């Protein structure tokens, strides 16, 4: 089985010559293996994805024998929807095919590892692989395929990074003179971290002791409803015993008046759905990297308490739109031109 080349998280984009910069797309990483018209889609973890994306399988069947590295994405209106991708992971074939017709996926290409006329392409430098990928893309343009923009100008990559955090997931840097290093963290990735002030609408106890394990974060919508938007379990440096007592003194239903935590899920356990609601009075500033569906995609990092802010000042507006920078417009249109400055 082919293993994808992976990226190591760093704080800043590398400087100097010899780097190629690309957007880090908000989708499912995927290797596509095409042999005699048979298509296999393989996730980063090695699991088959083909049954969840039949439209992609059908669209790739006409390509010559090759191995492609890219990202499965689903444009919904002006944005890329990670939620739409997650909905595909459904056991019912009829449901998958219905979603494939309503919100068809696209395959964003960023590397070519093998080609019938050059089966050892993965051993060649990125610059040569990219040239071969661009030629393949030009010969087989379709609504399915998109070619990820790239640049060797760090200033352009910095502008992309300034526009990420919503439609994009960051920026990737690759050495243009290196081969494809399967299974290694041979690329670099940078994410733009942002902060938000959130109401603590509830908390969960730690697994093995009567002490706070995570804070449940809330933001108000325009109607004044407090929605659960994520959690914060990174509480290093906090006196958890003292905080637990403070939280227990604030326990008061309902906690969240809009979307609440602990909803039905195939992954939910009895313990993971248990939480204590709080009176809306505590506010924390947290750091996050990405949002999906007006929620923090990952856990957040606690930064500080904000006693200077009122709960009603903690609104969804802090998340911004799940909007597209200009780079997304160019890529969805299939452009290979160097992207323009990202819109704010």
Protein backbone atom coordinates (compact mmCIF):
# COMPACT_ATOMS: atom_id res chain seq x y z
CA UNK A 1 0.00 0.00 0.00
CA UNK A 2 1.25 3.48 -0.87
CA UNK A 3 1.57 5.83 2.09
CA UNK A 4 1.08 9.56 1.48
CA UNK A 5 3.86 11.99 2.23
CA UNK A 6 2.84 13.96 5.31
CA UNK A 7 3.53 17.40 6.76
CA UNK A 8 5.08 18.57 9.99
CA UNK A 9 3.49 21.56 11.74
CA UNK A 10 5.80 24.58 12.08
CA UNK A 11 5.29 28.13 13.30
CA UNK A 12 6.34 30.01 10.16
CA UNK A 13 6.84 29.50 6.45
CA UNK A 14 10.42 28.57 5.51
CA UNK A 15 12.58 31.21 3.89
CA UNK A 16 15.11 30.97 1.10
CA UNK A 17 14.99 29.45 -2.36
CA UNK A 18 13.95 25.96 -3.37
CA UNK A 19 10.47 25.87 -1.84
CA UNK A 20 7.08 25.40 -3.49
CA UNK A 21 4.07 26.68 -1.55
CA UNK A 22 0.53 25.36 -1.91
CA UNK A 23 -2.78 25.84 -0.09
CA UNK A 24 -3.68 23.22 2.50
CA UNK A 25 -7.22 22.37 1.44
CA UNK A 26 -10.11 21.73 3.80
CA UNK A 27 -11.03 18.22 2.64
CA UNK A 28 -10.15 14.54 2.80
CA UNK A 29 -6.58 13.68 1.78
CA UNK A 30 -6.76 10.95 -0.84
CA UNK A 31 -4.52 8.86 -3.08
CA UNK A 32 -6.18 7.75 -6.32
CA UNK A 33 -4.82 4.63 -8.02
CA UNK A 34 -6.08 4.07 -11.58
CA UNK A 35 -5.24 0.80 -13.37
CA UNK A 36 -7.00 -0.27 -16.58
CA UNK A 37 -9.99 1.91 -15.78
CA UNK A 38 -10.35 0.54 -12.25
CA UNK A 39 -10.18 3.26 -9.59
CA UNK A 40 -9.21 2.90 -5.95
CA UNK A 41 -9.49 5.86 -3.55
CA UNK A 42 -7.35 5.50 -0.43
CA UNK A 43 -7.56 7.72 2.66
CA UNK A 44 -4.56 8.98 4.60
CA UNK A 45 -5.15 6.19 7.13
CA UNK A 46 -5.20 3.56 4.37
CA UNK A 47 -8.95 2.99 4.33
CA UNK A 48 -10.92 2.72 1.05
CA UNK A 49 -13.04 5.75 0.18
CA UNK A 50 -14.43 4.77 -3.22
CA UNK A 51 -17.88 3.65 -2.04
CA UNK A 52 -18.47 7.05 -0.43
CA UNK A 53 -17.52 9.03 -3.56
CA UNK A 54 -18.93 7.12 -6.56
CA UNK A 55 -18.93 10.24 -8.73
CA UNK A 56 -15.17 10.62 -8.23
CA UNK A 57 -14.54 6.96 -9.05
CA UNK A 58 -16.58 7.32 -12.26
CA UNK A 59 -14.84 10.55 -13.22
CA UNK A 60 -11.33 9.15 -12.77
CA UNK A 61 -11.99 5.92 -14.68
CA UNK A 62 -11.16 7.57 -18.00
CA UNK A 63 -7.65 8.60 -16.97
CA UNK A 64 -4.58 6.63 -18.03
CA UNK A 65 -2.92 4.35 -15.47
CA UNK A 66 -1.51 6.62 -12.77
CA UNK A 67 -1.28 7.35 -9.04
CA UNK A 68 -2.51 10.79 -7.96
CA UNK A 69 -2.18 12.58 -4.63
CA UNK A 70 -4.81 15.13 -3.81
CA UNK A 71 -7.75 16.24 -1.71
CA UNK A 72 -11.43 15.38 -1.96
CA UNK A 73 -13.41 18.60 -1.56
CA UNK A 74 -17.08 19.54 -1.86
CA UNK A 75 -17.97 23.08 -2.96
CA UNK A 76 -21.35 24.15 -1.57
CA UNK A 77 -22.31 27.56 -2.83
CA UNK A 78 -19.34 29.89 -2.36
CA UNK A 79 -17.57 27.72 0.23
CA UNK A 80 -15.93 24.36 0.72
CA UNK A 81 -18.00 22.22 3.08
CA UNK A 82 -16.23 19.78 5.37
CA UNK A 83 -19.62 18.87 6.82
CA UNK A 84 -20.77 17.68 3.39
CA UNK A 85 -17.72 15.43 3.22
CA UNK A 86 -18.46 13.96 6.64
CA UNK A 87 -22.04 13.22 5.61
CA UNK A 88 -20.70 10.90 2.89
CA UNK A 89 -19.36 8.49 5.50
CA UNK A 90 -22.74 6.81 5.70
CA UNK A 91 -23.43 3.06 5.53
CA UNK A 92 -26.42 3.27 3.15
CA UNK A 93 -25.46 3.22 -0.54
CA UNK A 94 -28.71 4.92 -1.55
CA UNK A 95 -27.96 7.82 0.79
CA UNK A 96 -24.41 8.16 -0.56
CA UNK A 97 -25.63 8.26 -4.17
CA UNK A 98 -28.28 10.84 -3.31
CA UNK A 99 -25.66 13.10 -1.73
CA UNK A 100 -23.27 12.51 -4.64
CA UNK A 101 -25.93 13.83 -7.00
CA UNK A 102 -26.87 16.80 -4.80
CA UNK A 103 -23.36 17.87 -3.73
CA UNK A 104 -20.80 16.28 -6.05
CA UNK A 105 -17.22 16.12 -4.83
CA UNK A 106 -14.18 17.39 -6.71
CA UNK A 107 -10.63 16.05 -6.68
CA UNK A 108 -8.01 18.75 -6.03
CA UNK A 109 -4.71 17.53 -7.52
CA UNK A 110 -1.33 18.41 -6.09
CA UNK A 111 1.03 15.55 -6.95
CA UNK A 112 1.56 12.74 -9.46
CA UNK A 113 3.44 9.65 -8.26
CA UNK A 114 3.21 7.31 -11.21
CA UNK A 115 2.22 7.44 -14.85
CA UNK A 116 2.01 4.66 -17.40
CA UNK A 117 4.72 6.31 -19.48
CA UNK A 118 6.81 7.09 -16.37
CA UNK A 119 6.08 4.57 -13.56
CA UNK A 120 9.01 5.77 -11.41
CA UNK A 121 7.82 9.38 -11.32
CA UNK A 122 7.73 9.44 -7.50
CA UNK A 123 11.53 9.22 -7.44
CA UNK A 124 11.86 12.42 -9.48
CA UNK A 125 12.08 15.94 -7.99
CA UNK A 126 8.81 17.76 -7.25
CA UNK A 127 9.49 20.24 -10.05
CA UNK A 128 9.38 17.41 -12.62
CA UNK A 129 6.36 15.75 -10.99
CA UNK A 130 4.45 19.03 -11.04
CA UNK A 131 5.20 19.54 -14.74
CA UNK A 132 3.90 16.03 -15.48
CA UNK A 133 0.81 16.68 -13.35
CA UNK A 134 0.05 19.91 -15.22
CA UNK A 135 0.34 18.10 -18.54
CA UNK A 136 -1.97 15.30 -17.36
CA UNK A 137 -4.48 17.87 -16.11
CA UNK A 138 -4.38 19.78 -19.41
CA UNK A 139 -5.05 16.56 -21.33
CA UNK A 140 -7.96 15.44 -19.11
CA UNK A 141 -9.77 18.57 -17.95
CA UNK A 142 -13.21 17.92 -16.49
CA UNK A 143 -15.68 19.22 -13.92
CA UNK A 144 -14.26 16.66 -11.49
CA UNK A 145 -10.59 17.67 -11.52
CA UNK A 146 -9.02 20.79 -10.05
CA UNK A 147 -5.33 21.65 -10.09
CA UNK A 148 -4.14 23.17 -6.84
CA UNK A 149 -2.39 26.54 -7.28
CA UNK A 150 1.27 26.76 -6.35
CA UNK A 151 3.92 29.43 -6.06
CA UNK A 152 7.62 29.64 -5.35
CA UNK A 153 7.24 33.18 -4.03
CA UNK A 154 7.10 33.26 -0.23
CA UNK A 155 5.33 36.64 -0.26
CA UNK A 156 2.41 35.07 -2.12
CA UNK A 157 2.25 32.22 0.39
CA UNK A 158 2.21 34.71 3.26
CA UNK A 159 -0.79 36.45 1.69
CA UNK A 160 -2.56 33.09 1.33
CA UNK A 161 -1.86 32.35 4.97
CA UNK A 162 -3.34 35.67 6.03
CA UNK A 163 -6.58 34.62 4.37
CA UNK A 164 -6.81 31.11 5.83
CA UNK A 165 -8.68 29.79 8.84
CA UNK A 166 -12.00 29.39 7.07
CA UNK A 167 -12.09 27.96 3.56
CA UNK A 168 -8.44 26.91 3.66
CA UNK A 169 -6.66 24.99 6.35
CA UNK A 170 -3.27 26.65 6.00
CA UNK A 171 -0.26 26.60 3.68
CA UNK A 172 2.04 23.69 2.76
CA UNK A 173 5.72 24.08 1.85
CA UNK A 174 7.57 21.44 -0.19
CA UNK A 175 11.14 21.20 -1.45
CA UNK A 176 11.12 21.43 -5.25
CA UNK A 177 14.26 19.33 -5.59
CA UNK A 178 13.13 16.34 -3.51
CA UNK A 179 11.40 13.08 -4.50
CA UNK A 180 8.06 11.99 -3.06
CA UNK A 181 8.97 10.66 0.39
CA UNK A 182 6.08 8.28 1.08
CA UNK A 183 5.12 7.89 4.75
CA UNK A 184 7.51 10.62 5.92
CA UNK A 185 6.74 14.05 7.36
CA UNK A 186 8.79 15.66 4.61
CA UNK A 187 6.56 18.69 4.04
CA UNK A 188 5.96 21.67 6.30
CA UNK A 189 2.55 23.10 7.18
CA UNK A 190 1.64 26.40 8.76
CA UNK A 191 -1.74 27.33 10.17
CA UNK A 192 -3.00 30.76 11.14
CA UNK A 193 -4.19 30.58 14.73
CA UNK A 194 -7.05 32.87 15.80
CA UNK A 195 -8.71 33.67 19.11
CA UNK A 196 -12.29 34.06 20.34
CA UNK A 197 -13.93 35.06 23.61
CA UNK A 198 -16.44 32.38 24.60
CA UNK A 199 -19.05 31.92 27.31
CA UNK A 200 -18.50 28.81 29.44
CA UNK A 201 -21.94 27.22 29.05
CA UNK A 202 -21.05 23.97 30.78
CA UNK A 203 -18.27 21.58 31.72
CA UNK A 204 -17.44 17.89 31.89
CA UNK A 205 -15.63 16.09 34.67
CA UNK A 206 -12.37 14.27 33.96
CA UNK A 207 -12.67 10.55 33.34
CA UNK A 208 -11.29 9.22 36.60
CA UNK A 209 -11.78 11.94 39.20
CA UNK A 210 -14.31 14.56 40.29
CA UNK A 211 -12.35 17.37 38.69
CA UNK A 212 -13.01 19.50 35.64
CA UNK A 213 -11.81 17.83 32.46
CA UNK A 214 -13.07 20.20 29.79
CA UNK A 215 -14.90 23.48 29.41
CA UNK A 216 -17.84 23.66 26.99
CA UNK A 217 -17.74 26.82 24.92
CA UNK A 218 -20.66 28.90 23.71
CA UNK A 219 -21.32 31.85 21.42
CA UNK A 220 -24.52 33.85 20.93
CA UNK A 221 -26.32 34.14 17.59
CA UNK A 222 -28.29 37.14 16.36
CA UNK A 223 -31.43 35.86 18.11
CA UNK A 224 -29.66 35.80 21.46
CA UNK A 225 -29.40 32.00 21.68
CA UNK A 226 -26.25 30.53 23.19
CA UNK A 227 -24.90 27.72 20.96
CA UNK A 228 -22.33 25.12 21.91
CA UNK A 229 -19.38 25.67 19.53
CA UNK A 230 -16.65 23.43 20.95
CA UNK A 231 -14.59 22.56 23.97
CA UNK A 232 -11.36 23.40 25.72
CA UNK A 233 -9.45 20.69 27.54
CA UNK A 234 -6.02 22.30 27.45
CA UNK A 235 -6.11 23.67 30.98
CA UNK A 236 -2.40 23.55 31.85
CA UNK A 237 -1.39 25.96 34.57
CA UNK A 238 -4.91 26.24 35.98
CA UNK A 239 -5.74 25.17 39.54
CA UNK A 240 -8.32 22.57 38.52
CA UNK A 241 -9.49 21.86 42.08
CA UNK A 242 -10.29 25.54 42.66
CA UNK A 243 -11.84 25.90 39.22
CA UNK A 244 -14.02 22.84 39.80
CA UNK A 245 -15.45 24.39 42.96
CA UNK A 246 -16.11 27.66 41.12
CA UNK A 247 -17.88 25.85 38.29
CA UNK A 248 -19.99 23.70 40.62
CA UNK A 249 -21.24 26.87 42.32
CA UNK A 250 -22.47 28.12 38.91
CA UNK A 251 -24.35 24.98 37.87
CA UNK A 252 -27.71 26.08 36.52
CA UNK A 253 -29.90 24.81 33.69
CA UNK A 254 -30.17 25.10 30.76
CA UNK A 255 -26.61 26.26 30.08
CA UNK A 256 -26.98 26.40 26.31
CA UNK A 257 -30.22 27.80 24.90
CA UNK A 258 -29.44 26.91 21.28
CA UNK A 259 -27.43 23.90 20.09
CA UNK A 260 -26.33 21.86 23.10
CA UNK A 261 -23.54 19.26 23.52
CA UNK A 262 -24.06 15.56 23.89
CA UNK A 263 -26.35 14.96 20.94
CA UNK A 264 -26.80 11.53 19.40
CA UNK A 265 -23.67 10.14 17.75
CA UNK A 266 -22.35 6.73 16.81
CA UNK A 267 -19.15 7.65 18.68
CA UNK A 268 -20.83 8.97 21.82
CA UNK A 269 -20.53 7.06 25.07
CA UNK A 270 -22.56 7.51 28.23
CA UNK A 271 -19.70 9.44 29.84
CA UNK A 272 -19.02 11.63 26.81
CA UNK A 273 -22.63 12.87 26.73
CA UNK A 274 -22.72 13.81 30.41
CA UNK A 275 -22.17 17.46 31.15
CA UNK A 276 -23.14 20.07 33.72
CA UNK A 277 -24.87 23.29 32.53
CA UNK A 278 -23.67 26.63 33.88
CA UNK A 279 -25.07 30.09 34.40
CA UNK A 280 -23.66 32.32 31.66
CA UNK A 281 -21.13 34.38 33.58
CA UNK A 282 -17.62 33.02 32.97
CA UNK A 283 -15.82 34.09 29.79
CA UNK A 284 -12.59 32.63 28.45
CA UNK A 285 -10.37 33.61 25.54
CA UNK A 286 -9.34 30.54 23.57
CA UNK A 287 -7.14 29.92 20.55
CA UNK A 288 -8.40 27.90 17.60
CA UNK A 289 -7.26 26.96 14.13
CA UNK A 290 -10.32 26.09 12.08
CA UNK A 291 -14.11 26.23 12.03
CA UNK A 292 -16.70 24.01 10.37
CA UNK A 293 -20.41 24.64 10.49
CA UNK A 294 -19.96 27.49 13.02
CA UNK A 295 -18.06 25.19 15.38
CA UNK A 296 -14.40 24.77 16.28
CA UNK A 297 -13.18 21.78 14.29
CA UNK A 298 -10.61 20.76 16.91
CA UNK A 299 -10.15 21.34 20.61
CA UNK A 300 -9.08 24.84 21.61
CA UNK A 301 -6.31 26.16 23.84
CA UNK A 302 -7.22 28.18 26.93
CA UNK A 303 -5.45 31.55 26.98
CA UNK A 304 -6.99 33.61 29.80
CA UNK A 305 -10.16 34.59 31.60
CA UNK A 306 -11.97 37.73 30.39
CA UNK A 307 -13.76 39.29 33.40
CA UNK A 308 -13.80 42.57 31.47
CA UNK A 309 -16.30 41.27 28.90
CA UNK A 310 -20.04 40.71 29.11
CA UNK A 311 -21.47 37.35 27.99
CA UNK A 312 -23.63 39.01 25.32
CA UNK A 313 -20.45 40.33 23.68
CA UNK A 314 -19.38 36.76 22.87
CA UNK A 315 -21.05 36.36 19.49
CA UNK A 316 -20.72 34.17 16.42
CA UNK A 317 -19.34 37.15 14.51
CA UNK A 318 -15.91 36.36 15.99
CA UNK A 319 -15.71 33.27 13.82
CA UNK A 320 -16.16 35.25 10.65
CA UNK A 321 -17.72 33.71 7.58
CA UNK A 322 -16.80 30.28 6.40
CA UNK A 323 -15.82 32.28 3.40
CA UNK A 324 -13.52 31.74 0.50
CA UNK A 325 -10.33 33.67 -0.06
CA UNK A 326 -9.74 34.63 -3.68
CA UNK A 327 -7.46 31.62 -4.00
CA UNK A 328 -10.45 29.31 -3.60
CA UNK A 329 -12.31 31.08 -6.40
CA UNK A 330 -9.37 30.58 -8.73
CA UNK A 331 -8.90 26.94 -7.84
CA UNK A 332 -12.57 25.97 -8.04
CA UNK A 333 -12.62 27.54 -11.50
CA UNK A 334 -9.68 25.33 -12.43
CA UNK A 335 -7.17 28.14 -12.74
CA UNK A 336 -3.46 27.36 -12.54
CA UNK A 337 -2.49 31.01 -12.42
CA UNK A 338 -0.78 32.33 -9.35
CA UNK A 339 -3.59 33.40 -6.99
CA UNK A 340 -4.32 36.99 -6.20
CA UNK A 341 -4.27 38.52 -2.75
CA UNK A 342 -6.76 36.78 -0.50
CA UNK A 343 -9.88 38.80 0.28
CA UNK A 344 -10.68 39.56 3.89
